[in-house]
Amino acid sequence: MQASVAALLFASVMLFAGAAQREPDKDTTAIIEASYIYNIAKLVEWRDAEMRQGPFIIGVLGSGNLYQELVRKYSTRSIGKQPIEVRKLPETADVDRCHILFVPEEDKALLPGILKDVNTRSTLVVTDFPDALSKGAVVNFIAAKNTLKYEISLTNAEKHRIDIGLTLKQLAERVEE
């Protein structure tokens, strides 16, 4: 399974590299970020037992294209035995319980309030802006050599009671201990 996930992550990177050849109305960044989010979800484990029950919730602040892509490609799938539920969230620091929460750069001012919320204590926070790991994100998307990659903070994952799989660490552009 890890080999297939690695192949999917590699294919995502190659899709981003060929972005100039895609139709102009396609948001390749959203397509790749959605693929990464789905594959990341398969390679992490939530220690809180309550997070392994009910639907697997992916919350998205802002970023309508990413939300639409997640709904279109992944809302009929599952993570383990948990069906995926994608939610478009209002742009506020009051966030309902999510397994994964995407906070785009335009909403980064909300991040400190989000991280203080008891509902997000076991949430894997994903972002797309510089220095996001130092602000509490677990995964941050970064542009590197004409591709989209990600960096991970193991310290922040530990704070959220999330275990990061070895494959995810190995494929990261940077792992912060």
C-alpha atoms as a PDB file:
ATOM      1  CA  MET A   1       0.000   0.000   0.000  1.00  0.00           C
ATOM      2  CA  GLN A   2       2.836   2.399   0.806  1.00  0.00           C
ATOM      3  CA  ALA A   3       4.240   1.951  -2.700  1.00  0.00           C
ATOM      4  CA  SER A   4       0.891   2.887  -4.271  1.00  0.00           C
ATOM      5  CA  VAL A   5       0.603   5.962  -2.050  1.00  0.00           C
ATOM      6  CA  ALA A   6       4.146   6.950  -2.975  1.00  0.00           C
ATOM      7  CA  ALA A   7       3.248   6.545  -6.655  1.00  0.00           C
ATOM      8  CA  LEU A   8       0.168   8.737  -6.195  1.00  0.00           C
ATOM      9  CA  LEU A   9       2.202  11.435  -4.460  1.00  0.00           C
ATOM     10  CA  PHE A  10       4.799  11.286  -7.260  1.00  0.00           C
ATOM     11  CA  ALA A  11       2.040  11.526  -9.892  1.00  0.00           C
ATOM     12  CA  SER A  12       0.675  14.579  -8.086  1.00  0.00           C
ATOM     13  CA  VAL A  13       4.052  16.260  -8.270  1.00  0.00           C
ATOM     14  CA  MET A  14       4.335  15.466 -11.976  1.00  0.00           C
ATOM     15  CA  LEU A  15       0.837  16.852 -12.582  1.00  0.00           C
ATOM     16  CA  PHE A  16       1.924  20.131 -10.996  1.00  0.00           C
ATOM     17  CA  ALA A  17       5.074  20.204 -13.124  1.00  0.00           C
ATOM     18  CA  GLY A  18       2.937  19.967 -16.282  1.00  0.00           C
ATOM     19  CA  ALA A  19       0.506  22.659 -15.164  1.00  0.00           C
ATOM     20  CA  ALA A  20       1.300  24.960 -18.083  1.00  0.00           C
ATOM     21  CA  GLN A  21      -0.090  22.370 -20.517  1.00  0.00           C
ATOM     22  CA  ARG A  22      -3.475  22.048 -18.749  1.00  0.00           C
ATOM     23  CA  GLU A  23      -6.600  23.950 -19.666  1.00  0.00           C
ATOM     24  CA  PRO A  24      -6.600  27.454 -18.163  1.00  0.00           C
ATOM     25  CA  ASP A  25      -9.840  26.860 -16.238  1.00  0.00           C
ATOM     26  CA  LYS A  26      -8.259  24.008 -14.242  1.00  0.00           C
ATOM     27  CA  ASP A  27      -6.729  24.879 -10.878  1.00  0.00           C
ATOM     28  CA  THR A  28      -3.854  22.391 -10.794  1.00  0.00           C
ATOM     29  CA  THR A  29      -2.756  23.602  -7.377  1.00  0.00           C
ATOM     30  CA  ALA A  30      -6.165  22.677  -5.934  1.00  0.00           C
ATOM     31  CA  ILE A  31      -6.050  19.306  -7.705  1.00  0.00           C
ATOM     32  CA  ILE A  32      -2.634  18.496  -6.250  1.00  0.00           C
ATOM     33  CA  GLU A  33      -3.433  19.814  -2.776  1.00  0.00           C
ATOM     34  CA  ALA A  34      -6.591  17.671  -2.708  1.00  0.00           C
ATOM     35  CA  SER A  35      -4.579  14.606  -3.721  1.00  0.00           C
ATOM     36  CA  TYR A  36      -1.979  15.316  -1.056  1.00  0.00           C
ATOM     37  CA  ILE A  37      -4.639  15.817   1.634  1.00  0.00           C
ATOM     38  CA  TYR A  38      -6.306  12.516   0.753  1.00  0.00           C
ATOM     39  CA  ASN A  39      -3.013  10.619   0.717  1.00  0.00           C
ATOM     40  CA  ILE A  40      -1.778  12.293   3.895  1.00  0.00           C
ATOM     41  CA  ALA A  41      -4.981  11.163   5.617  1.00  0.00           C
ATOM     42  CA  LYS A  42      -4.120   7.569   4.734  1.00  0.00           C
ATOM     43  CA  LEU A  43      -0.612   7.862   6.179  1.00  0.00           C
ATOM     44  CA  VAL A  44      -1.311   9.305   9.626  1.00  0.00           C
ATOM     45  CA  GLU A  45      -2.959   7.903  12.719  1.00  0.00           C
ATOM     46  CA  TRP A  46      -5.040   9.770  15.281  1.00  0.00           C
ATOM     47  CA  ARG A  47      -4.386   8.603  18.836  1.00  0.00           C
ATOM     48  CA  ASP A  48      -7.750   9.803  20.168  1.00  0.00           C
ATOM     49  CA  ALA A  49     -10.200   6.892  19.915  1.00  0.00           C
ATOM     50  CA  GLU A  50     -13.094   9.280  19.160  1.00  0.00           C
ATOM     51  CA  MET A  51     -11.310  10.348  15.967  1.00  0.00           C
ATOM     52  CA  ARG A  52     -11.522   6.768  14.676  1.00  0.00           C
ATOM     53  CA  GLN A  53     -15.340   6.777  14.824  1.00  0.00           C
ATOM     54  CA  GLY A  54     -17.963   8.430  12.651  1.00  0.00           C
ATOM     55  CA  PRO A  55     -17.193  10.208   9.377  1.00  0.00           C
ATOM     56  CA  PHE A  56     -13.670  11.325   8.495  1.00  0.00           C
ATOM     57  CA  ILE A  57     -14.068  15.112   8.317  1.00  0.00           C
ATOM     58  CA  ILE A  58     -11.954  17.345   6.098  1.00  0.00           C
ATOM     59  CA  GLY A  59     -12.665  21.015   6.756  1.00  0.00           C
ATOM     60  CA  VAL A  60     -11.674  23.751   4.314  1.00  0.00           C
ATOM     61  CA  LEU A  61     -11.500  27.466   5.088  1.00  0.00           C
ATOM     62  CA  GLY A  62     -11.586  29.739   2.032  1.00  0.00           C
ATOM     63  CA  SER A  63     -10.131  28.073  -1.059  1.00  0.00           C
ATOM     64  CA  GLY A  64     -13.326  27.202  -2.926  1.00  0.00           C
ATOM     65  CA  ASN A  65     -11.443  25.358  -5.662  1.00  0.00           C
ATOM     66  CA  LEU A  66      -9.792  23.019  -3.158  1.00  0.00           C
ATOM     67  CA  TYR A  67     -13.131  22.353  -1.475  1.00  0.00           C
ATOM     68  CA  GLN A  68     -14.777  21.558  -4.820  1.00  0.00           C
ATOM     69  CA  GLU A  69     -11.920  19.266  -5.826  1.00  0.00           C
ATOM     70  CA  LEU A  70     -12.085  17.367  -2.527  1.00  0.00           C
ATOM     71  CA  VAL A  71     -15.848  16.932  -2.901  1.00  0.00           C
ATOM     72  CA  ARG A  72     -15.604  15.921  -6.546  1.00  0.00           C
ATOM     73  CA  LYS A  73     -12.830  13.323  -6.184  1.00  0.00           C
ATOM     74  CA  TYR A  74     -12.810  12.152  -2.586  1.00  0.00           C
ATOM     75  CA  SER A  75     -16.216  12.583  -0.885  1.00  0.00           C
ATOM     76  CA  THR A  76     -17.329   9.104  -1.988  1.00  0.00           C
ATOM     77  CA  ARG A  77     -14.190   7.451  -0.582  1.00  0.00           C
ATOM     78  CA  SER A  78     -13.213   6.524   2.933  1.00  0.00           C
ATOM     79  CA  ILE A  79     -10.224   6.568   5.233  1.00  0.00           C
ATOM     80  CA  GLY A  80     -10.150   3.113   6.762  1.00  0.00           C
ATOM     81  CA  LYS A  81     -13.782   2.403   7.630  1.00  0.00           C
ATOM     82  CA  GLN A  82     -14.687   6.078   7.983  1.00  0.00           C
ATOM     83  CA  PRO A  83     -16.511   7.688   5.044  1.00  0.00           C
ATOM     84  CA  ILE A  84     -15.042  11.049   4.041  1.00  0.00           C
ATOM     85  CA  GLU A  85     -17.137  14.139   4.655  1.00  0.00           C
ATOM     86  CA  VAL A  86     -15.806  17.405   3.184  1.00  0.00           C
ATOM     87  CA  ARG A  87     -17.023  20.617   4.813  1.00  0.00           C
ATOM     88  CA  LYS A  88     -16.680  24.203   3.593  1.00  0.00           C
ATOM     89  CA  LEU A  89     -16.238  26.150   6.812  1.00  0.00           C
ATOM     90  CA  PRO A  90     -17.021  29.797   7.516  1.00  0.00           C
ATOM     91  CA  GLU A  91     -13.914  31.940   7.784  1.00  0.00           C
ATOM     92  CA  THR A  92     -13.794  32.117  11.565  1.00  0.00           C
ATOM     93  CA  ALA A  93     -11.591  30.780  14.355  1.00  0.00           C
ATOM     94  CA  ASP A  94     -14.551  28.771  15.716  1.00  0.00           C
ATOM     95  CA  VAL A  95     -14.069  25.435  14.003  1.00  0.00           C
ATOM     96  CA  ASP A  96     -16.039  22.240  14.525  1.00  0.00           C
ATOM     97  CA  ARG A  97     -14.219  18.958  15.053  1.00  0.00           C
ATOM     98  CA  CYS A  98     -12.248  17.981  11.934  1.00  0.00           C
ATOM     99  CA  HIS A  99      -9.648  15.325  11.249  1.00  0.00           C
ATOM    100  CA  ILE A 100      -7.924  17.595   8.741  1.00  0.00           C
ATOM    101  CA  LEU A 101      -8.361  21.351   8.485  1.00  0.00           C
ATOM    102  CA  PHE A 102      -6.991  23.363   5.562  1.00  0.00           C
ATOM    103  CA  VAL A 103      -6.192  26.995   6.390  1.00  0.00           C
ATOM    104  CA  PRO A 104      -5.114  28.996   3.300  1.00  0.00           C
ATOM    105  CA  GLU A 105      -2.741  31.943   3.422  1.00  0.00           C
ATOM    106  CA  GLU A 106      -5.573  34.477   3.184  1.00  0.00           C
ATOM    107  CA  ASP A 107      -6.971  33.107   6.485  1.00  0.00           C
ATOM    108  CA  LYS A 108      -3.661  32.704   8.343  1.00  0.00           C
ATOM    109  CA  ALA A 109      -4.652  35.386  10.880  1.00  0.00           C
ATOM    110  CA  LEU A 110      -7.282  32.911  12.163  1.00  0.00           C
ATOM    111  CA  LEU A 111      -4.720  30.197  12.905  1.00  0.00           C
ATOM    112  CA  PRO A 112      -3.836  31.220  16.515  1.00  0.00           C
ATOM    113  CA  GLY A 113      -7.518  31.221  17.493  1.00  0.00           C
ATOM    114  CA  ILE A 114      -8.151  27.937  15.697  1.00  0.00           C
ATOM    115  CA  LEU A 115      -5.264  26.258  17.506  1.00  0.00           C
ATOM    116  CA  LYS A 116      -6.581  27.411  20.915  1.00  0.00           C
ATOM    117  CA  ASP A 117     -10.023  25.892  20.243  1.00  0.00           C
ATOM    118  CA  VAL A 118     -10.638  22.633  22.132  1.00  0.00           C
ATOM    119  CA  ASN A 119     -12.384  21.242  19.013  1.00  0.00           C
ATOM    120  CA  THR A 120      -9.064  21.270  17.134  1.00  0.00           C
ATOM    121  CA  ARG A 121      -6.945  19.468  19.727  1.00  0.00           C
ATOM    122  CA  SER A 122      -6.631  16.387  17.487  1.00  0.00           C
ATOM    123  CA  THR A 123      -6.850  18.150  14.138  1.00  0.00           C
ATOM    124  CA  LEU A 124      -4.145  17.862  11.507  1.00  0.00           C
ATOM    125  CA  VAL A 125      -3.798  21.470  10.353  1.00  0.00           C
ATOM    126  CA  VAL A 126      -2.653  21.894   6.734  1.00  0.00           C
ATOM    127  CA  THR A 127      -1.573  25.281   5.354  1.00  0.00           C
ATOM    128  CA  ASP A 128       0.060  26.849   2.306  1.00  0.00           C
ATOM    129  CA  PHE A 129       2.096  29.834   3.475  1.00  0.00           C
ATOM    130  CA  PRO A 130       5.687  30.592   4.566  1.00  0.00           C
ATOM    131  CA  ASP A 131       6.594  29.885   8.203  1.00  0.00           C
ATOM    132  CA  ALA A 132       3.291  28.075   8.830  1.00  0.00           C
ATOM    133  CA  LEU A 133       4.985  25.275  10.764  1.00  0.00           C
ATOM    134  CA  SER A 134       6.309  27.806  13.280  1.00  0.00           C
ATOM    135  CA  LYS A 135       2.735  29.047  13.692  1.00  0.00           C
ATOM    136  CA  GLY A 136       1.383  25.579  14.561  1.00  0.00           C
ATOM    137  CA  ALA A 137       0.602  23.821  11.265  1.00  0.00           C
ATOM    138  CA  VAL A 138       1.384  20.110  11.016  1.00  0.00           C
ATOM    139  CA  VAL A 139       1.701  20.043   7.199  1.00  0.00           C
ATOM    140  CA  ASN A 140       2.496  23.000   4.953  1.00  0.00           C
ATOM    141  CA  PHE A 141       2.424  23.037   1.159  1.00  0.00           C
ATOM    142  CA  ILE A 142       5.417  24.720  -0.460  1.00  0.00           C
ATOM    143  CA  ALA A 143       6.508  25.439  -4.010  1.00  0.00           C
ATOM    144  CA  ALA A 144       9.876  23.868  -4.771  1.00  0.00           C
ATOM    145  CA  LYS A 145      11.572  23.536  -8.168  1.00  0.00           C
ATOM    146  CA  ASN A 146       8.356  24.060 -10.191  1.00  0.00           C
ATOM    147  CA  THR A 147       6.490  21.459  -8.159  1.00  0.00           C
ATOM    148  CA  LEU A 148       4.236  21.481  -5.130  1.00  0.00           C
ATOM    149  CA  LYS A 149       5.723  19.706  -2.129  1.00  0.00           C
ATOM    150  CA  TYR A 150       5.083  19.663   1.580  1.00  0.00           C
ATOM    151  CA  GLU A 151       6.907  20.026   4.848  1.00  0.00           C
ATOM    152  CA  ILE A 152       5.926  18.459   8.177  1.00  0.00           C
ATOM    153  CA  SER A 153       6.320  19.427  11.824  1.00  0.00           C
ATOM    154  CA  LEU A 154       6.582  16.334  14.015  1.00  0.00           C
ATOM    155  CA  THR A 155       6.455  18.556  17.113  1.00  0.00           C
ATOM    156  CA  ASN A 156       3.100  20.006  16.048  1.00  0.00           C
ATOM    157  CA  ALA A 157       1.811  16.543  15.136  1.00  0.00           C
ATOM    158  CA  GLU A 158       2.726  15.363  18.636  1.00  0.00           C
ATOM    159  CA  LYS A 159       0.841  18.316  20.180  1.00  0.00           C
ATOM    160  CA  HIS A 160      -2.255  17.242  18.222  1.00  0.00           C
ATOM    161  CA  ARG A 161      -1.804  13.576  19.208  1.00  0.00           C
ATOM    162  CA  ILE A 162      -1.194  12.510  15.609  1.00  0.00           C
ATOM    163  CA  ASP A 163       1.345   9.908  14.489  1.00  0.00           C
ATOM    164  CA  ILE A 164       2.966  10.579  11.104  1.00  0.00           C
ATOM    165  CA  GLY A 165       3.753   7.495   9.020  1.00  0.00           C
ATOM    166  CA  LEU A 166       7.283   6.774   7.803  1.00  0.00           C
ATOM    167  CA  THR A 167       6.327   7.029   4.099  1.00  0.00           C
ATOM    168  CA  LEU A 168       4.885  10.493   4.610  1.00  0.00           C
ATOM    169  CA  LYS A 169       8.085  11.606   6.360  1.00  0.00           C
ATOM    170  CA  GLN A 170      10.295  10.134   3.630  1.00  0.00           C
ATOM    171  CA  LEU A 171       8.386  11.899   0.829  1.00  0.00           C
ATOM    172  CA  ALA A 172       8.382  15.296   2.553  1.00  0.00           C
ATOM    173  CA  GLU A 173      10.586  18.073   1.255  1.00  0.00           C
ATOM    174  CA  ARG A 174      11.460  18.907   4.872  1.00  0.00           C
ATOM    175  CA  VAL A 175      10.697  17.296   8.234  1.00  0.00           C
ATOM    176  CA  GLU A 176      10.946  19.504  11.281  1.00  0.00           C
ATOM    177  CA  GLU A 177      11.656  17.512  14.449  1.00  0.00           C
END
